[in-house]
Amino acid sequence: MNNKANTKGPATLLIVACFVLILLISGIPSVRRISKATCKPVTGQVLEVTKSTPGYVIHLKDDPRIYYIKPASMPAATMTSLEQQLHGRSVQLFTASAWSPLDPFSSMKEIRRLQIGDNVIFSEY
């Protein structure tokens, strides 16, 4: 009877390890090509533009999500220029529609394309 009890511990540990591995692998971003068809458009009025850890952060009116652009994607941009271009204006953001267990409620979205009307400010595709 002791032999059966001893096999439950390693089996449970193996199941938990497999579950954690699956969660980690599903959190790796997809390497598929980004296109307008694979991105979700979001329209809103810019309340604030800041620079913090993920990059240039854009807050939209009545939207709790955090939208950001990596600084490497826009090397010529400065905080002042983005603030002047975007503050108070209605913009259209295109974000990759991907889910991650590291952000299950999709509270942070990376901007793949940013435009004001027909004027494209930034685009990765």
N, C-alpha and C. Protein backbone atom coordinates (compact mmCIF):
# COMPACT_ATOMS: atom_id res chain seq x y z
N MET A 1 0.81 -1.19 0.00
CA MET A 1 0.00 0.00 0.00
C MET A 1 0.85 1.26 0.00
N ASN A 2 2.02 1.22 0.57
CA ASN A 2 2.92 2.36 0.56
C ASN A 2 3.42 2.69 -0.83
N ASN A 3 3.54 1.68 -1.69
CA ASN A 3 4.01 1.92 -3.06
C ASN A 3 3.02 2.78 -3.84
N LYS A 4 1.72 2.56 -3.65
CA LYS A 4 0.72 3.36 -4.35
C LYS A 4 0.75 4.81 -3.86
N ALA A 5 0.94 5.01 -2.59
CA ALA A 5 0.99 6.36 -2.04
C ALA A 5 2.21 7.11 -2.55
N ASN A 6 3.31 6.43 -2.74
CA ASN A 6 4.53 7.07 -3.23
C ASN A 6 4.43 7.46 -4.70
N THR A 7 3.61 6.81 -5.49
CA THR A 7 3.50 7.15 -6.91
C THR A 7 2.57 8.34 -7.16
N LYS A 8 1.72 8.67 -6.20
CA LYS A 8 0.82 9.81 -6.37
C LYS A 8 1.57 11.13 -6.35
N GLY A 9 2.57 11.26 -5.52
CA GLY A 9 3.34 12.50 -5.42
C GLY A 9 4.04 12.87 -6.73
N PRO A 10 4.87 11.98 -7.29
CA PRO A 10 5.54 12.31 -8.55
C PRO A 10 4.57 12.49 -9.73
N ALA A 11 3.48 11.73 -9.75
CA ALA A 11 2.50 11.87 -10.83
C ALA A 11 1.83 13.24 -10.76
N THR A 12 1.48 13.67 -9.55
CA THR A 12 0.87 14.99 -9.37
C THR A 12 1.85 16.09 -9.76
N LEU A 13 3.09 15.94 -9.37
CA LEU A 13 4.13 16.91 -9.71
C LEU A 13 4.31 16.99 -11.23
N LEU A 14 4.28 15.85 -11.90
CA LEU A 14 4.41 15.83 -13.36
C LEU A 14 3.23 16.53 -14.04
N ILE A 15 2.03 16.31 -13.55
CA ILE A 15 0.84 16.96 -14.12
C ILE A 15 0.92 18.47 -13.92
N VAL A 16 1.30 18.92 -12.74
CA VAL A 16 1.42 20.35 -12.47
C VAL A 16 2.51 20.97 -13.35
N ALA A 17 3.64 20.29 -13.50
CA ALA A 17 4.73 20.79 -14.34
C ALA A 17 4.29 20.91 -15.80
N CYS A 18 3.55 19.93 -16.29
CA CYS A 18 3.03 20.00 -17.67
C CYS A 18 2.07 21.16 -17.84
N PHE A 19 1.22 21.38 -16.87
CA PHE A 19 0.26 22.50 -16.92
C PHE A 19 0.99 23.84 -16.95
N VAL A 20 2.01 24.00 -16.12
CA VAL A 20 2.79 25.24 -16.09
C VAL A 20 3.51 25.43 -17.42
N LEU A 21 4.07 24.38 -17.99
CA LEU A 21 4.76 24.44 -19.27
C LEU A 21 3.80 24.86 -20.39
N ILE A 22 2.60 24.33 -20.39
CA ILE A 22 1.59 24.71 -21.39
C ILE A 22 1.24 26.19 -21.25
N LEU A 23 1.07 26.67 -20.04
CA LEU A 23 0.77 28.09 -19.82
C LEU A 23 1.91 28.98 -20.30
N LEU A 24 3.14 28.59 -20.03
CA LEU A 24 4.29 29.38 -20.47
C LEU A 24 4.40 29.42 -21.99
N ILE A 25 4.19 28.29 -22.64
CA ILE A 25 4.28 28.24 -24.10
C ILE A 25 3.16 29.06 -24.73
N SER A 26 1.97 29.02 -24.17
CA SER A 26 0.86 29.78 -24.74
C SER A 26 1.05 31.28 -24.53
N GLY A 27 1.91 31.68 -23.61
CA GLY A 27 2.19 33.10 -23.38
C GLY A 27 3.22 33.68 -24.32
N ILE A 28 3.89 32.83 -25.10
CA ILE A 28 4.87 33.32 -26.06
C ILE A 28 4.13 33.96 -27.22
N PRO A 29 4.49 35.19 -27.58
CA PRO A 29 3.78 35.86 -28.67
C PRO A 29 3.91 35.10 -29.99
N SER A 30 2.89 35.22 -30.76
CA SER A 30 2.85 34.56 -32.06
C SER A 30 3.85 35.21 -33.02
N VAL A 31 4.42 34.41 -33.90
CA VAL A 31 5.38 34.93 -34.88
C VAL A 31 4.72 35.15 -36.25
N ARG A 32 3.41 35.05 -36.29
CA ARG A 32 2.72 35.27 -37.55
C ARG A 32 2.85 36.73 -37.97
N ARG A 33 2.74 36.98 -39.24
CA ARG A 33 2.89 38.32 -39.77
C ARG A 33 1.73 39.21 -39.32
N ILE A 34 2.08 40.42 -38.98
CA ILE A 34 1.08 41.40 -38.57
C ILE A 34 0.55 42.08 -39.83
N SER A 35 -0.75 42.12 -39.96
CA SER A 35 -1.38 42.80 -41.09
C SER A 35 -2.63 43.51 -40.58
N LYS A 36 -3.19 44.35 -41.42
CA LYS A 36 -4.40 45.06 -41.02
C LYS A 36 -5.55 44.09 -40.73
N ALA A 37 -5.55 42.95 -41.44
CA ALA A 37 -6.61 41.96 -41.25
C ALA A 37 -6.50 41.25 -39.90
N THR A 38 -5.29 41.14 -39.36
CA THR A 38 -5.11 40.43 -38.08
C THR A 38 -5.16 41.36 -36.88
N CYS A 39 -5.33 42.65 -37.11
CA CYS A 39 -5.37 43.62 -36.03
C CYS A 39 -6.79 44.12 -35.77
N LYS A 40 -7.03 44.49 -34.52
CA LYS A 40 -8.34 44.98 -34.11
C LYS A 40 -8.28 46.51 -34.00
N PRO A 41 -9.18 47.23 -34.68
CA PRO A 41 -9.16 48.69 -34.59
C PRO A 41 -9.86 49.19 -33.32
N VAL A 42 -9.29 50.23 -32.74
CA VAL A 42 -9.86 50.89 -31.56
C VAL A 42 -9.83 52.38 -31.83
N THR A 43 -10.96 53.05 -31.66
CA THR A 43 -11.04 54.48 -31.89
C THR A 43 -11.35 55.18 -30.57
N GLY A 44 -10.68 56.31 -30.36
CA GLY A 44 -10.93 57.05 -29.14
C GLY A 44 -10.18 58.37 -29.12
N GLN A 45 -10.49 59.17 -28.11
CA GLN A 45 -9.85 60.47 -27.94
C GLN A 45 -8.69 60.32 -26.96
N VAL A 46 -7.53 60.85 -27.33
CA VAL A 46 -6.33 60.73 -26.51
C VAL A 46 -6.41 61.69 -25.33
N LEU A 47 -6.32 61.14 -24.13
CA LEU A 47 -6.30 61.95 -22.92
C LEU A 47 -4.89 62.31 -22.51
N GLU A 48 -3.99 61.32 -22.65
CA GLU A 48 -2.65 61.51 -22.12
C GLU A 48 -1.66 60.64 -22.88
N VAL A 49 -0.46 61.17 -23.10
CA VAL A 49 0.65 60.41 -23.67
C VAL A 49 1.80 60.51 -22.69
N THR A 50 2.31 59.35 -22.26
CA THR A 50 3.42 59.32 -21.32
C THR A 50 4.49 58.35 -21.82
N LYS A 51 5.63 58.40 -21.18
CA LYS A 51 6.69 57.44 -21.50
C LYS A 51 7.00 56.68 -20.22
N SER A 52 6.92 55.35 -20.29
CA SER A 52 7.21 54.53 -19.12
C SER A 52 7.85 53.22 -19.59
N THR A 53 7.78 52.21 -18.78
CA THR A 53 8.48 50.95 -19.03
C THR A 53 8.19 50.31 -20.38
N PRO A 54 6.93 50.12 -20.79
CA PRO A 54 6.75 49.46 -22.09
C PRO A 54 7.10 50.35 -23.27
N GLY A 55 7.12 51.66 -23.09
CA GLY A 55 7.42 52.59 -24.19
C GLY A 55 6.55 53.83 -24.09
N TYR A 56 6.07 54.29 -25.25
CA TYR A 56 5.17 55.45 -25.29
C TYR A 56 3.77 54.94 -24.99
N VAL A 57 3.19 55.40 -23.89
CA VAL A 57 1.89 54.91 -23.44
C VAL A 57 0.82 55.93 -23.78
N ILE A 58 -0.27 55.44 -24.38
CA ILE A 58 -1.39 56.29 -24.78
C ILE A 58 -2.62 55.88 -23.99
N HIS A 59 -3.24 56.83 -23.31
CA HIS A 59 -4.48 56.59 -22.57
C HIS A 59 -5.62 57.24 -23.34
N LEU A 60 -6.67 56.46 -23.60
CA LEU A 60 -7.84 56.96 -24.32
C LEU A 60 -8.96 57.27 -23.33
N LYS A 61 -9.80 58.23 -23.70
CA LYS A 61 -10.95 58.62 -22.88
C LYS A 61 -11.93 57.45 -22.79
N ASP A 62 -12.42 57.17 -21.59
CA ASP A 62 -13.39 56.11 -21.31
C ASP A 62 -12.91 54.72 -21.73
N ASP A 63 -11.60 54.48 -21.68
CA ASP A 63 -11.04 53.17 -22.01
C ASP A 63 -9.98 52.84 -20.95
N PRO A 64 -10.21 51.81 -20.13
CA PRO A 64 -9.27 51.49 -19.06
C PRO A 64 -7.98 50.81 -19.53
N ARG A 65 -7.94 50.34 -20.78
CA ARG A 65 -6.75 49.64 -21.27
C ARG A 65 -5.58 50.58 -21.46
N ILE A 66 -4.39 50.00 -21.45
CA ILE A 66 -3.16 50.74 -21.69
C ILE A 66 -2.66 50.36 -23.08
N TYR A 67 -2.48 51.34 -23.94
CA TYR A 67 -1.96 51.12 -25.28
C TYR A 67 -0.54 51.67 -25.33
N TYR A 68 0.37 50.93 -25.96
CA TYR A 68 1.75 51.40 -25.97
C TYR A 68 2.43 51.10 -27.31
N ILE A 69 3.47 51.89 -27.58
CA ILE A 69 4.32 51.70 -28.75
C ILE A 69 5.74 51.54 -28.22
N LYS A 70 6.44 50.50 -28.67
CA LYS A 70 7.81 50.30 -28.24
C LYS A 70 8.68 51.41 -28.83
N PRO A 71 9.61 51.98 -28.05
CA PRO A 71 10.46 53.06 -28.54
C PRO A 71 11.30 52.64 -29.75
N ALA A 72 11.67 51.38 -29.83
CA ALA A 72 12.47 50.91 -30.96
C ALA A 72 11.66 50.96 -32.27
N SER A 73 10.34 50.92 -32.17
CA SER A 73 9.49 50.98 -33.35
C SER A 73 9.40 52.39 -33.92
N MET A 74 9.61 53.38 -33.07
CA MET A 74 9.57 54.79 -33.49
C MET A 74 10.82 55.51 -32.98
N PRO A 75 11.99 55.23 -33.57
CA PRO A 75 13.22 55.80 -33.03
C PRO A 75 13.31 57.33 -33.15
N ALA A 76 12.64 57.93 -34.15
CA ALA A 76 12.72 59.38 -34.35
C ALA A 76 11.72 60.15 -33.48
N ALA A 77 10.80 59.44 -32.84
CA ALA A 77 9.76 60.11 -32.05
C ALA A 77 10.30 60.58 -30.72
N THR A 78 9.76 61.71 -30.28
CA THR A 78 10.08 62.20 -28.94
C THR A 78 8.76 62.33 -28.18
N MET A 79 8.88 62.39 -26.89
CA MET A 79 7.69 62.51 -26.05
C MET A 79 6.93 63.80 -26.39
N THR A 80 7.67 64.88 -26.59
CA THR A 80 7.05 66.17 -26.88
C THR A 80 6.30 66.14 -28.21
N SER A 81 6.93 65.55 -29.23
CA SER A 81 6.27 65.52 -30.55
C SER A 81 5.01 64.67 -30.54
N LEU A 82 5.05 63.53 -29.86
CA LEU A 82 3.86 62.69 -29.76
C LEU A 82 2.74 63.38 -28.98
N GLU A 83 3.11 64.05 -27.90
CA GLU A 83 2.12 64.77 -27.09
C GLU A 83 1.44 65.85 -27.92
N GLN A 84 2.22 66.59 -28.70
CA GLN A 84 1.66 67.66 -29.52
C GLN A 84 0.77 67.11 -30.63
N GLN A 85 1.17 65.99 -31.24
CA GLN A 85 0.40 65.42 -32.34
C GLN A 85 -0.91 64.78 -31.88
N LEU A 86 -0.90 64.16 -30.69
CA LEU A 86 -2.01 63.30 -30.31
C LEU A 86 -2.95 63.86 -29.24
N HIS A 87 -2.47 64.69 -28.34
CA HIS A 87 -3.27 65.11 -27.19
C HIS A 87 -4.60 65.76 -27.61
N GLY A 88 -5.70 65.18 -27.11
CA GLY A 88 -7.03 65.71 -27.36
C GLY A 88 -7.62 65.34 -28.71
N ARG A 89 -6.87 64.63 -29.53
CA ARG A 89 -7.34 64.29 -30.88
C ARG A 89 -7.98 62.91 -30.89
N SER A 90 -8.86 62.71 -31.84
CA SER A 90 -9.47 61.41 -32.04
C SER A 90 -8.54 60.57 -32.92
N VAL A 91 -8.14 59.40 -32.43
CA VAL A 91 -7.19 58.55 -33.15
C VAL A 91 -7.80 57.17 -33.38
N GLN A 92 -7.20 56.46 -34.31
CA GLN A 92 -7.56 55.07 -34.53
C GLN A 92 -6.30 54.24 -34.33
N LEU A 93 -6.39 53.29 -33.39
CA LEU A 93 -5.27 52.41 -33.07
C LEU A 93 -5.59 51.02 -33.58
N PHE A 94 -4.60 50.34 -34.10
CA PHE A 94 -4.76 48.95 -34.50
C PHE A 94 -3.85 48.13 -33.60
N THR A 95 -4.42 47.18 -32.87
CA THR A 95 -3.67 46.34 -31.95
C THR A 95 -3.80 44.88 -32.37
N ALA A 96 -2.74 44.12 -32.13
CA ALA A 96 -2.78 42.69 -32.45
C ALA A 96 -3.80 42.00 -31.55
N SER A 97 -4.64 41.20 -32.14
CA SER A 97 -5.66 40.51 -31.34
C SER A 97 -5.12 39.14 -30.92
N ALA A 98 -4.34 39.14 -29.85
CA ALA A 98 -3.76 37.92 -29.31
C ALA A 98 -4.02 37.86 -27.81
N TRP A 99 -4.25 36.65 -27.31
CA TRP A 99 -4.50 36.45 -25.89
C TRP A 99 -3.26 35.85 -25.26
N SER A 100 -2.99 36.21 -24.02
CA SER A 100 -1.85 35.68 -23.30
C SER A 100 -2.24 35.39 -21.86
N PRO A 101 -1.77 34.27 -21.30
CA PRO A 101 -2.08 34.01 -19.89
C PRO A 101 -1.36 34.99 -18.96
N LEU A 102 -0.35 35.68 -19.49
CA LEU A 102 0.34 36.68 -18.68
C LEU A 102 -0.48 37.96 -18.55
N ASP A 103 -1.42 38.17 -19.48
CA ASP A 103 -2.34 39.31 -19.44
C ASP A 103 -3.73 38.79 -19.83
N PRO A 104 -4.38 38.02 -18.96
CA PRO A 104 -5.62 37.35 -19.34
C PRO A 104 -6.78 38.26 -19.68
N PHE A 105 -6.79 39.49 -19.16
CA PHE A 105 -7.89 40.40 -19.42
C PHE A 105 -7.55 41.41 -20.51
N SER A 106 -6.42 41.23 -21.16
CA SER A 106 -5.96 42.11 -22.26
C SER A 106 -5.98 43.57 -21.84
N SER A 107 -5.37 43.87 -20.71
CA SER A 107 -5.36 45.24 -20.21
C SER A 107 -4.24 46.07 -20.84
N MET A 108 -3.24 45.43 -21.43
CA MET A 108 -2.16 46.13 -22.13
C MET A 108 -2.12 45.67 -23.58
N LYS A 109 -2.15 46.62 -24.50
CA LYS A 109 -2.16 46.29 -25.92
C LYS A 109 -1.05 47.04 -26.63
N GLU A 110 -0.27 46.34 -27.45
CA GLU A 110 0.77 46.98 -28.24
C GLU A 110 0.15 47.53 -29.52
N ILE A 111 0.44 48.77 -29.81
CA ILE A 111 -0.09 49.43 -31.01
C ILE A 111 0.75 49.02 -32.21
N ARG A 112 0.09 48.53 -33.25
CA ARG A 112 0.76 48.14 -34.48
C ARG A 112 0.61 49.20 -35.58
N ARG A 113 -0.43 50.04 -35.44
CA ARG A 113 -0.66 51.12 -36.39
C ARG A 113 -1.43 52.22 -35.66
N LEU A 114 -1.05 53.47 -35.93
CA LEU A 114 -1.67 54.62 -35.29
C LEU A 114 -1.96 55.64 -36.38
N GLN A 115 -3.21 56.07 -36.44
CA GLN A 115 -3.56 57.07 -37.45
C GLN A 115 -4.59 58.06 -36.92
N ILE A 116 -4.52 59.26 -37.49
CA ILE A 116 -5.48 60.32 -37.21
C ILE A 116 -6.18 60.57 -38.53
N GLY A 117 -7.44 60.18 -38.60
CA GLY A 117 -8.17 60.28 -39.87
C GLY A 117 -7.51 59.38 -40.90
N ASP A 118 -7.09 59.95 -42.02
CA ASP A 118 -6.38 59.17 -43.05
C ASP A 118 -4.88 59.33 -42.94
N ASN A 119 -4.39 60.14 -42.00
CA ASN A 119 -2.97 60.39 -41.82
C ASN A 119 -2.36 59.33 -40.90
N VAL A 120 -1.47 58.49 -41.44
CA VAL A 120 -0.84 57.43 -40.67
C VAL A 120 0.38 58.00 -39.95
N ILE A 121 0.36 57.93 -38.62
CA ILE A 121 1.46 58.43 -37.79
C ILE A 121 2.52 57.34 -37.63
N PHE A 122 2.08 56.10 -37.46
CA PHE A 122 2.98 54.98 -37.21
C PHE A 122 2.36 53.70 -37.75
N SER A 123 3.17 52.85 -38.37
CA SER A 123 2.67 51.57 -38.85
C SER A 123 3.79 50.55 -38.89
N GLU A 124 3.50 49.32 -38.47
CA GLU A 124 4.45 48.23 -38.55
C GLU A 124 4.15 47.32 -39.76
N TYR A 125 3.14 47.62 -40.52
CA TYR A 125 2.82 46.81 -41.70
C TYR A 125 2.51 47.69 -42.88
